């Protein structure tokens, strides 16, 4: 391989805040609330030479991503070890099975479990696929895919989601559609607002780079503290269990270390 064929364009370290996250409702204990002084999205270049993103999700915890170039052997692979195309087909099959299960009245099997087929077909795993499966990072890999495309074409397609969201929001004023409109409403009539929202909370680089492939992980597993969900539970008068109180919040410094760890492993595969 040519020495320059695997280069990824250098990116500037940048940070953003997500104004749609109401951290004032999150637990406020100065020494135990590091999210108050953290950005909500960061992009930086790893020491391995791969661009990284850290994005705070709706649950208040961070997700970390590392981008590999088109020439990388893992480009286009699912984090499950086979091609993303196969992963998408399996995901669509599962979605259709769940729809049919719902239409059938949510039947249960003889043991009382949901009678729905969500099995994964046997798929040959290549050596590079096995290497992806063997990657070790916080909680394991949970994402693979292209960065969000920020373009006028993408914005035009995005606008098609508004009518349906508005209908659902009327029926469920506190539901997911209403929350989605709260976040994305300003983008309905402005491409610039669409870009600004994407920059502050989506898996996209600045400047845009859609010639890379992302592998990601999240910090919302068992044992991880998710302050936004914690706030929602408290608002609904749910009492946290003693186990929940032992959950650890994964700071942005911790997630950056995990991104570096992931980038090194991906570099070793090249």
C-alpha atoms as a PDB file:
ATOM      1  CA  UNK A   1       0.000   0.000   0.000  1.00  0.00           C
ATOM      2  CA  UNK A   2       1.260   3.440  -0.867  1.00  0.00           C
ATOM      3  CA  UNK A   3       2.329   5.347   2.244  1.00  0.00           C
ATOM      4  CA  UNK A   4      -0.049   8.195   1.408  1.00  0.00           C
ATOM      5  CA  UNK A   5      -3.033   6.087   0.366  1.00  0.00           C
ATOM      6  CA  UNK A   6      -4.322   5.660   3.908  1.00  0.00           C
ATOM      7  CA  UNK A   7      -4.025   9.254   5.034  1.00  0.00           C
ATOM      8  CA  UNK A   8      -7.073  10.962   6.502  1.00  0.00           C
ATOM      9  CA  UNK A   9      -7.339  14.701   6.227  1.00  0.00           C
ATOM     10  CA  UNK A  10      -6.207  16.378   9.436  1.00  0.00           C
ATOM     11  CA  UNK A  11      -9.019  17.994  11.420  1.00  0.00           C
ATOM     12  CA  UNK A  12      -8.943  20.796  13.935  1.00  0.00           C
ATOM     13  CA  UNK A  13      -9.963  20.070  17.511  1.00  0.00           C
ATOM     14  CA  UNK A  14     -13.353  21.685  18.022  1.00  0.00           C
ATOM     15  CA  UNK A  15     -15.985  21.674  20.756  1.00  0.00           C
ATOM     16  CA  UNK A  16     -19.706  22.421  20.765  1.00  0.00           C
ATOM     17  CA  UNK A  17     -22.512  22.746  23.301  1.00  0.00           C
ATOM     18  CA  UNK A  18     -25.945  21.278  22.638  1.00  0.00           C
ATOM     19  CA  UNK A  19     -28.522  23.917  23.683  1.00  0.00           C
ATOM     20  CA  UNK A  20     -31.398  21.415  23.534  1.00  0.00           C
ATOM     21  CA  UNK A  21     -30.052  19.472  26.534  1.00  0.00           C
ATOM     22  CA  UNK A  22     -31.600  20.925  29.672  1.00  0.00           C
ATOM     23  CA  UNK A  23     -28.830  20.159  32.144  1.00  0.00           C
ATOM     24  CA  UNK A  24     -30.508  22.336  34.745  1.00  0.00           C
ATOM     25  CA  UNK A  25     -32.870  19.424  35.360  1.00  0.00           C
ATOM     26  CA  UNK A  26     -30.023  16.945  35.782  1.00  0.00           C
ATOM     27  CA  UNK A  27     -28.663  16.109  39.253  1.00  0.00           C
ATOM     28  CA  UNK A  28     -26.843  19.160  40.577  1.00  0.00           C
ATOM     29  CA  UNK A  29     -24.090  18.159  42.943  1.00  0.00           C
ATOM     30  CA  UNK A  30     -21.038  20.183  42.044  1.00  0.00           C
ATOM     31  CA  UNK A  31     -18.371  17.597  42.745  1.00  0.00           C
ATOM     32  CA  UNK A  32     -20.447  14.822  41.172  1.00  0.00           C
ATOM     33  CA  UNK A  33     -21.847  16.700  38.170  1.00  0.00           C
ATOM     34  CA  UNK A  34     -18.929  17.047  35.718  1.00  0.00           C
ATOM     35  CA  UNK A  35     -21.317  17.414  32.773  1.00  0.00           C
ATOM     36  CA  UNK A  36     -21.925  21.016  33.854  1.00  0.00           C
ATOM     37  CA  UNK A  37     -18.423  21.959  32.710  1.00  0.00           C
ATOM     38  CA  UNK A  38     -18.100  19.655  29.700  1.00  0.00           C
ATOM     39  CA  UNK A  39     -18.834  20.322  26.032  1.00  0.00           C
ATOM     40  CA  UNK A  40     -21.481  18.127  24.427  1.00  0.00           C
ATOM     41  CA  UNK A  41     -19.542  17.332  21.273  1.00  0.00           C
ATOM     42  CA  UNK A  42     -15.834  17.203  20.495  1.00  0.00           C
ATOM     43  CA  UNK A  43     -13.880  16.337  17.371  1.00  0.00           C
ATOM     44  CA  UNK A  44     -10.151  15.683  17.470  1.00  0.00           C
ATOM     45  CA  UNK A  45      -7.398  13.719  15.771  1.00  0.00           C
ATOM     46  CA  UNK A  46      -6.236  10.595  17.572  1.00  0.00           C
ATOM     47  CA  UNK A  47      -2.558   9.844  18.030  1.00  0.00           C
ATOM     48  CA  UNK A  48      -3.091   6.956  15.560  1.00  0.00           C
ATOM     49  CA  UNK A  49      -4.010   9.495  12.881  1.00  0.00           C
ATOM     50  CA  UNK A  50      -7.743   8.765  12.728  1.00  0.00           C
ATOM     51  CA  UNK A  51     -10.399  11.464  13.330  1.00  0.00           C
ATOM     52  CA  UNK A  52     -12.567  11.004  16.413  1.00  0.00           C
ATOM     53  CA  UNK A  53     -15.924  12.303  17.565  1.00  0.00           C
ATOM     54  CA  UNK A  54     -17.425  12.378  21.035  1.00  0.00           C
ATOM     55  CA  UNK A  55     -21.144  13.182  21.116  1.00  0.00           C
ATOM     56  CA  UNK A  56     -23.455  13.404  24.115  1.00  0.00           C
ATOM     57  CA  UNK A  57     -26.670  11.502  23.470  1.00  0.00           C
ATOM     58  CA  UNK A  58     -30.193  12.216  24.674  1.00  0.00           C
ATOM     59  CA  UNK A  59     -29.598  10.078  27.786  1.00  0.00           C
ATOM     60  CA  UNK A  60     -26.844  12.425  28.929  1.00  0.00           C
ATOM     61  CA  UNK A  61     -23.965   9.983  28.457  1.00  0.00           C
ATOM     62  CA  UNK A  62     -21.317  10.186  25.752  1.00  0.00           C
ATOM     63  CA  UNK A  63     -20.830   8.097  22.635  1.00  0.00           C
ATOM     64  CA  UNK A  64     -17.377   7.824  21.060  1.00  0.00           C
ATOM     65  CA  UNK A  65     -16.517   7.300  17.382  1.00  0.00           C
ATOM     66  CA  UNK A  66     -13.375   6.713  15.362  1.00  0.00           C
ATOM     67  CA  UNK A  67     -13.281   7.224  11.578  1.00  0.00           C
ATOM     68  CA  UNK A  68     -11.242   5.060   9.207  1.00  0.00           C
ATOM     69  CA  UNK A  69     -10.541   5.983   5.565  1.00  0.00           C
ATOM     70  CA  UNK A  70     -11.997   4.262   2.524  1.00  0.00           C
ATOM     71  CA  UNK A  71      -8.726   2.343   2.040  1.00  0.00           C
ATOM     72  CA  UNK A  72      -8.927   0.728   5.489  1.00  0.00           C
ATOM     73  CA  UNK A  73      -9.756  -3.017   5.358  1.00  0.00           C
ATOM     74  CA  UNK A  74     -12.611  -2.533   7.851  1.00  0.00           C
ATOM     75  CA  UNK A  75     -14.301   0.195   5.775  1.00  0.00           C
ATOM     76  CA  UNK A  76     -17.934  -0.766   5.163  1.00  0.00           C
ATOM     77  CA  UNK A  77     -17.962  -3.485   7.819  1.00  0.00           C
ATOM     78  CA  UNK A  78     -20.555  -3.758  10.541  1.00  0.00           C
ATOM     79  CA  UNK A  79     -19.353  -3.764  14.143  1.00  0.00           C
ATOM     80  CA  UNK A  80     -20.923  -7.260  14.215  1.00  0.00           C
ATOM     81  CA  UNK A  81     -18.156  -8.570  11.953  1.00  0.00           C
ATOM     82  CA  UNK A  82     -19.888  -8.839   8.590  1.00  0.00           C
ATOM     83  CA  UNK A  83     -20.643  -6.281   5.902  1.00  0.00           C
ATOM     84  CA  UNK A  84     -22.916  -3.382   6.788  1.00  0.00           C
ATOM     85  CA  UNK A  85     -25.185  -4.397   3.902  1.00  0.00           C
ATOM     86  CA  UNK A  86     -25.825  -7.769   5.543  1.00  0.00           C
ATOM     87  CA  UNK A  87     -26.348  -6.051   8.896  1.00  0.00           C
ATOM     88  CA  UNK A  88     -28.916  -3.692   7.334  1.00  0.00           C
ATOM     89  CA  UNK A  89     -30.773  -6.603   5.728  1.00  0.00           C
ATOM     90  CA  UNK A  90     -30.922  -8.447   9.066  1.00  0.00           C
ATOM     91  CA  UNK A  91     -32.103  -5.285  10.812  1.00  0.00           C
ATOM     92  CA  UNK A  92     -34.881  -4.818   8.248  1.00  0.00           C
ATOM     93  CA  UNK A  93     -35.944  -8.455   8.653  1.00  0.00           C
ATOM     94  CA  UNK A  94     -36.137  -7.963  12.422  1.00  0.00           C
ATOM     95  CA  UNK A  95     -38.179  -4.798  11.968  1.00  0.00           C
ATOM     96  CA  UNK A  96     -40.658  -6.589   9.706  1.00  0.00           C
ATOM     97  CA  UNK A  97     -40.883  -9.497  12.174  1.00  0.00           C
ATOM     98  CA  UNK A  98     -41.726  -7.098  15.007  1.00  0.00           C
ATOM     99  CA  UNK A  99     -44.390  -5.407  12.902  1.00  0.00           C
ATOM    100  CA  UNK A 100     -46.003  -8.750  12.084  1.00  0.00           C
ATOM    101  CA  UNK A 101     -45.734  -9.800  15.736  1.00  0.00           C
ATOM    102  CA  UNK A 102     -47.586  -6.632  16.729  1.00  0.00           C
ATOM    103  CA  UNK A 103     -50.285  -7.166  14.122  1.00  0.00           C
ATOM    104  CA  UNK A 104     -50.767 -10.696  15.474  1.00  0.00           C
ATOM    105  CA  UNK A 105     -51.504  -9.391  18.971  1.00  0.00           C
ATOM    106  CA  UNK A 106     -48.054  -9.906  20.517  1.00  0.00           C
ATOM    107  CA  UNK A 107     -48.287 -13.709  20.891  1.00  0.00           C
ATOM    108  CA  UNK A 108     -46.114 -15.547  23.428  1.00  0.00           C
ATOM    109  CA  UNK A 109     -44.499 -18.959  23.224  1.00  0.00           C
ATOM    110  CA  UNK A 110     -45.141 -21.851  25.617  1.00  0.00           C
ATOM    111  CA  UNK A 111     -42.655 -20.393  28.109  1.00  0.00           C
ATOM    112  CA  UNK A 112     -44.316 -16.983  28.132  1.00  0.00           C
ATOM    113  CA  UNK A 113     -41.689 -15.208  26.044  1.00  0.00           C
ATOM    114  CA  UNK A 114     -42.514 -13.088  22.971  1.00  0.00           C
ATOM    115  CA  UNK A 115     -43.086 -15.438  20.035  1.00  0.00           C
ATOM    116  CA  UNK A 116     -41.103 -13.471  17.479  1.00  0.00           C
ATOM    117  CA  UNK A 117     -38.106 -14.560  15.421  1.00  0.00           C
ATOM    118  CA  UNK A 118     -35.198 -12.164  15.930  1.00  0.00           C
ATOM    119  CA  UNK A 119     -32.454 -14.673  15.297  1.00  0.00           C
ATOM    120  CA  UNK A 120     -29.390 -13.769  13.257  1.00  0.00           C
ATOM    121  CA  UNK A 121     -28.707 -16.069  10.290  1.00  0.00           C
ATOM    122  CA  UNK A 122     -25.370 -17.843  10.122  1.00  0.00           C
ATOM    123  CA  UNK A 123     -23.004 -15.554   8.257  1.00  0.00           C
ATOM    124  CA  UNK A 124     -19.411 -16.301   7.370  1.00  0.00           C
ATOM    125  CA  UNK A 125     -17.037 -14.092   9.335  1.00  0.00           C
ATOM    126  CA  UNK A 126     -13.864 -13.110   7.506  1.00  0.00           C
ATOM    127  CA  UNK A 127     -10.544 -12.615   9.344  1.00  0.00           C
ATOM    128  CA  UNK A 128     -11.008  -8.835   9.316  1.00  0.00           C
ATOM    129  CA  UNK A 129     -14.557  -9.324  10.568  1.00  0.00           C
ATOM    130  CA  UNK A 130     -13.298 -11.441  13.449  1.00  0.00           C
ATOM    131  CA  UNK A 131     -10.718  -8.775  14.236  1.00  0.00           C
ATOM    132  CA  UNK A 132     -13.520  -6.216  14.494  1.00  0.00           C
ATOM    133  CA  UNK A 133     -15.466  -8.512  16.831  1.00  0.00           C
ATOM    134  CA  UNK A 134     -12.339  -8.885  18.986  1.00  0.00           C
ATOM    135  CA  UNK A 135     -11.927  -5.116  19.485  1.00  0.00           C
ATOM    136  CA  UNK A 136     -12.052  -4.138  23.137  1.00  0.00           C
ATOM    137  CA  UNK A 137     -13.451  -0.752  24.117  1.00  0.00           C
ATOM    138  CA  UNK A 138     -15.893   0.457  26.773  1.00  0.00           C
ATOM    139  CA  UNK A 139     -19.032  -1.686  26.497  1.00  0.00           C
ATOM    140  CA  UNK A 140     -17.877  -3.105  23.167  1.00  0.00           C
ATOM    141  CA  UNK A 141     -18.575  -1.674  19.726  1.00  0.00           C
ATOM    142  CA  UNK A 142     -22.223  -0.686  19.271  1.00  0.00           C
ATOM    143  CA  UNK A 143     -22.146   1.355  16.054  1.00  0.00           C
ATOM    144  CA  UNK A 144     -20.818   1.337  12.513  1.00  0.00           C
ATOM    145  CA  UNK A 145     -21.746   3.541   9.590  1.00  0.00           C
ATOM    146  CA  UNK A 146     -21.124   6.702   7.627  1.00  0.00           C
ATOM    147  CA  UNK A 147     -21.114  10.169   9.204  1.00  0.00           C
ATOM    148  CA  UNK A 148     -24.320  12.195   8.956  1.00  0.00           C
ATOM    149  CA  UNK A 149     -24.445  13.865   5.546  1.00  0.00           C
ATOM    150  CA  UNK A 150     -24.875  17.617   5.950  1.00  0.00           C
ATOM    151  CA  UNK A 151     -25.978  18.964   2.570  1.00  0.00           C
ATOM    152  CA  UNK A 152     -28.910  20.774   0.999  1.00  0.00           C
ATOM    153  CA  UNK A 153     -30.027  17.482  -0.565  1.00  0.00           C
ATOM    154  CA  UNK A 154     -30.004  15.806   2.863  1.00  0.00           C
ATOM    155  CA  UNK A 155     -31.891  18.788   4.322  1.00  0.00           C
ATOM    156  CA  UNK A 156     -34.568  18.568   1.608  1.00  0.00           C
ATOM    157  CA  UNK A 157     -35.099  14.872   2.364  1.00  0.00           C
ATOM    158  CA  UNK A 158     -35.103  15.636   6.080  1.00  0.00           C
ATOM    159  CA  UNK A 159     -37.999  18.097   5.656  1.00  0.00           C
ATOM    160  CA  UNK A 160     -40.258  15.216   4.616  1.00  0.00           C
ATOM    161  CA  UNK A 161     -40.305  14.049   8.263  1.00  0.00           C
ATOM    162  CA  UNK A 162     -42.024  17.175   9.604  1.00  0.00           C
ATOM    163  CA  UNK A 163     -45.694  16.563   8.625  1.00  0.00           C
ATOM    164  CA  UNK A 164     -45.813  13.131  10.265  1.00  0.00           C
ATOM    165  CA  UNK A 165     -43.973  14.403  13.360  1.00  0.00           C
ATOM    166  CA  UNK A 166     -46.462  17.248  13.761  1.00  0.00           C
ATOM    167  CA  UNK A 167     -49.409  14.844  13.561  1.00  0.00           C
ATOM    168  CA  UNK A 168     -47.920  12.602  16.246  1.00  0.00           C
ATOM    169  CA  UNK A 169     -47.022  15.571  18.448  1.00  0.00           C
ATOM    170  CA  UNK A 170     -50.673  16.653  18.474  1.00  0.00           C
ATOM    171  CA  UNK A 171     -51.679  13.228  19.770  1.00  0.00           C
ATOM    172  CA  UNK A 172     -48.804  12.893  22.225  1.00  0.00           C
ATOM    173  CA  UNK A 173     -47.603  16.375  23.316  1.00  0.00           C
ATOM    174  CA  UNK A 174     -44.932  14.864  25.558  1.00  0.00           C
ATOM    175  CA  UNK A 175     -43.885  12.067  23.241  1.00  0.00           C
ATOM    176  CA  UNK A 176     -40.863  11.415  21.061  1.00  0.00           C
ATOM    177  CA  UNK A 177     -42.252  13.358  18.101  1.00  0.00           C
ATOM    178  CA  UNK A 178     -42.809  16.453  20.245  1.00  0.00           C
ATOM    179  CA  UNK A 179     -39.265  16.220  21.601  1.00  0.00           C
ATOM    180  CA  UNK A 180     -37.941  15.751  18.043  1.00  0.00           C
ATOM    181  CA  UNK A 181     -39.771  18.901  16.917  1.00  0.00           C
ATOM    182  CA  UNK A 182     -38.331  20.800  19.859  1.00  0.00           C
ATOM    183  CA  UNK A 183     -34.836  19.923  18.697  1.00  0.00           C
ATOM    184  CA  UNK A 184     -35.243  20.175  14.936  1.00  0.00           C
ATOM    185  CA  UNK A 185     -38.045  22.729  14.588  1.00  0.00           C
ATOM    186  CA  UNK A 186     -35.691  25.641  13.752  1.00  0.00           C
ATOM    187  CA  UNK A 187     -34.361  23.652  10.779  1.00  0.00           C
ATOM    188  CA  UNK A 188     -37.755  23.406   9.067  1.00  0.00           C
ATOM    189  CA  UNK A 189     -37.295  26.706   7.271  1.00  0.00           C
ATOM    190  CA  UNK A 190     -33.522  27.182   7.369  1.00  0.00           C
ATOM    191  CA  UNK A 191     -30.679  25.117   5.935  1.00  0.00           C
ATOM    192  CA  UNK A 192     -28.251  27.119   8.097  1.00  0.00           C
ATOM    193  CA  UNK A 193     -30.139  26.047  11.214  1.00  0.00           C
ATOM    194  CA  UNK A 194     -30.031  22.461   9.973  1.00  0.00           C
ATOM    195  CA  UNK A 195     -26.252  22.700   9.677  1.00  0.00           C
ATOM    196  CA  UNK A 196     -25.902  24.329  13.103  1.00  0.00           C
ATOM    197  CA  UNK A 197     -27.962  21.631  14.823  1.00  0.00           C
ATOM    198  CA  UNK A 198     -26.043  18.864  13.061  1.00  0.00           C
ATOM    199  CA  UNK A 199     -22.718  20.413  14.048  1.00  0.00           C
ATOM    200  CA  UNK A 200     -23.654  20.565  17.715  1.00  0.00           C
ATOM    201  CA  UNK A 201     -25.145  17.110  18.194  1.00  0.00           C
ATOM    202  CA  UNK A 202     -24.725  14.758  15.224  1.00  0.00           C
ATOM    203  CA  UNK A 203     -22.023  12.372  14.028  1.00  0.00           C
ATOM    204  CA  UNK A 204     -20.546  14.720  11.449  1.00  0.00           C
ATOM    205  CA  UNK A 205     -17.186  16.428  11.139  1.00  0.00           C
ATOM    206  CA  UNK A 206     -16.389  20.078  10.543  1.00  0.00           C
ATOM    207  CA  UNK A 207     -15.519  20.507   7.746  1.00  0.00           C
ATOM    208  CA  UNK A 208     -17.714  17.634   6.474  1.00  0.00           C
ATOM    209  CA  UNK A 209     -15.981  14.388   5.589  1.00  0.00           C
ATOM    210  CA  UNK A 210     -18.253  11.720   4.131  1.00  0.00           C
ATOM    211  CA  UNK A 211     -15.446   9.541   2.764  1.00  0.00           C
ATOM    212  CA  UNK A 212     -14.795   7.851   6.106  1.00  0.00           C
ATOM    213  CA  UNK A 213     -16.434   4.997   8.047  1.00  0.00           C
ATOM    214  CA  UNK A 214     -17.228   5.236  11.744  1.00  0.00           C
ATOM    215  CA  UNK A 215     -16.921   2.634  14.465  1.00  0.00           C
ATOM    216  CA  UNK A 216     -18.452   3.651  17.768  1.00  0.00           C
ATOM    217  CA  UNK A 217     -19.265   2.741  21.349  1.00  0.00           C
ATOM    218  CA  UNK A 218     -21.504   4.238  24.008  1.00  0.00           C
ATOM    219  CA  UNK A 219     -21.345   4.868  27.734  1.00  0.00           C
ATOM    220  CA  UNK A 220     -24.925   3.977  28.608  1.00  0.00           C
ATOM    221  CA  UNK A 221     -24.439   0.363  29.676  1.00  0.00           C
ATOM    222  CA  UNK A 222     -25.159  -1.266  32.998  1.00  0.00           C
ATOM    223  CA  UNK A 223     -22.954   0.473  35.539  1.00  0.00           C
ATOM    224  CA  UNK A 224     -22.842   3.718  33.540  1.00  0.00           C
ATOM    225  CA  UNK A 225     -24.545   6.814  34.856  1.00  0.00           C
ATOM    226  CA  UNK A 226     -26.992   8.529  32.467  1.00  0.00           C
ATOM    227  CA  UNK A 227     -27.947  11.860  34.069  1.00  0.00           C
ATOM    228  CA  UNK A 228     -30.769  12.777  31.666  1.00  0.00           C
ATOM    229  CA  UNK A 229     -32.554   9.457  32.253  1.00  0.00           C
ATOM    230  CA  UNK A 230     -31.900   9.783  35.960  1.00  0.00           C
ATOM    231  CA  UNK A 231     -33.610  13.202  35.911  1.00  0.00           C
ATOM    232  CA  UNK A 232     -36.606  11.783  34.001  1.00  0.00           C
ATOM    233  CA  UNK A 233     -37.010   8.972  36.513  1.00  0.00           C
ATOM    234  CA  UNK A 234     -36.858  11.382  39.431  1.00  0.00           C
ATOM    235  CA  UNK A 235     -39.451  13.631  37.756  1.00  0.00           C
ATOM    236  CA  UNK A 236     -41.724  10.596  37.430  1.00  0.00           C
ATOM    237  CA  UNK A 237     -41.206   9.822  41.154  1.00  0.00           C
ATOM    238  CA  UNK A 238     -39.233   6.664  40.508  1.00  0.00           C
ATOM    239  CA  UNK A 239     -36.830   5.805  43.310  1.00  0.00           C
ATOM    240  CA  UNK A 240     -33.366   4.808  42.139  1.00  0.00           C
ATOM    241  CA  UNK A 241     -32.224   1.436  43.398  1.00  0.00           C
ATOM    242  CA  UNK A 242     -29.051   1.120  45.522  1.00  0.00           C
ATOM    243  CA  UNK A 243     -27.362  -0.371  42.463  1.00  0.00           C
ATOM    244  CA  UNK A 244     -28.154   2.684  40.340  1.00  0.00           C
ATOM    245  CA  UNK A 245     -26.446   4.894  42.896  1.00  0.00           C
ATOM    246  CA  UNK A 246     -23.213   2.996  42.270  1.00  0.00           C
ATOM    247  CA  UNK A 247     -23.282   3.804  38.543  1.00  0.00           C
ATOM    248  CA  UNK A 248     -20.258   5.744  37.321  1.00  0.00           C
ATOM    249  CA  UNK A 249     -20.472   8.725  35.010  1.00  0.00           C
ATOM    250  CA  UNK A 250     -17.964   8.419  32.144  1.00  0.00           C
ATOM    251  CA  UNK A 251     -16.340  11.817  31.729  1.00  0.00           C
ATOM    252  CA  UNK A 252     -15.220  13.294  28.452  1.00  0.00           C
ATOM    253  CA  UNK A 253     -11.600  12.617  29.445  1.00  0.00           C
ATOM    254  CA  UNK A 254     -12.438   8.955  29.933  1.00  0.00           C
ATOM    255  CA  UNK A 255     -14.255   8.737  26.583  1.00  0.00           C
ATOM    256  CA  UNK A 256     -11.359  10.417  24.797  1.00  0.00           C
ATOM    257  CA  UNK A 257      -9.016   7.792  26.260  1.00  0.00           C
ATOM    258  CA  UNK A 258     -11.350   5.070  24.984  1.00  0.00           C
ATOM    259  CA  UNK A 259     -11.386   6.676  21.515  1.00  0.00           C
ATOM    260  CA  UNK A 260      -7.589   6.606  21.507  1.00  0.00           C
ATOM    261  CA  UNK A 261      -7.702   2.943  22.527  1.00  0.00           C
ATOM    262  CA  UNK A 262     -10.159   2.159  19.721  1.00  0.00           C
ATOM    263  CA  UNK A 263      -8.144   4.141  17.155  1.00  0.00           C
ATOM    264  CA  UNK A 264      -4.988   2.203  18.009  1.00  0.00           C
ATOM    265  CA  UNK A 265      -6.761  -1.141  17.557  1.00  0.00           C
ATOM    266  CA  UNK A 266      -8.191  -0.037  14.210  1.00  0.00           C
ATOM    267  CA  UNK A 267      -4.740   1.160  13.171  1.00  0.00           C
ATOM    268  CA  UNK A 268      -3.326  -2.265  14.013  1.00  0.00           C
ATOM    269  CA  UNK A 269      -5.831  -3.844  11.610  1.00  0.00           C
ATOM    270  CA  UNK A 270      -4.532  -1.796   8.695  1.00  0.00           C
END
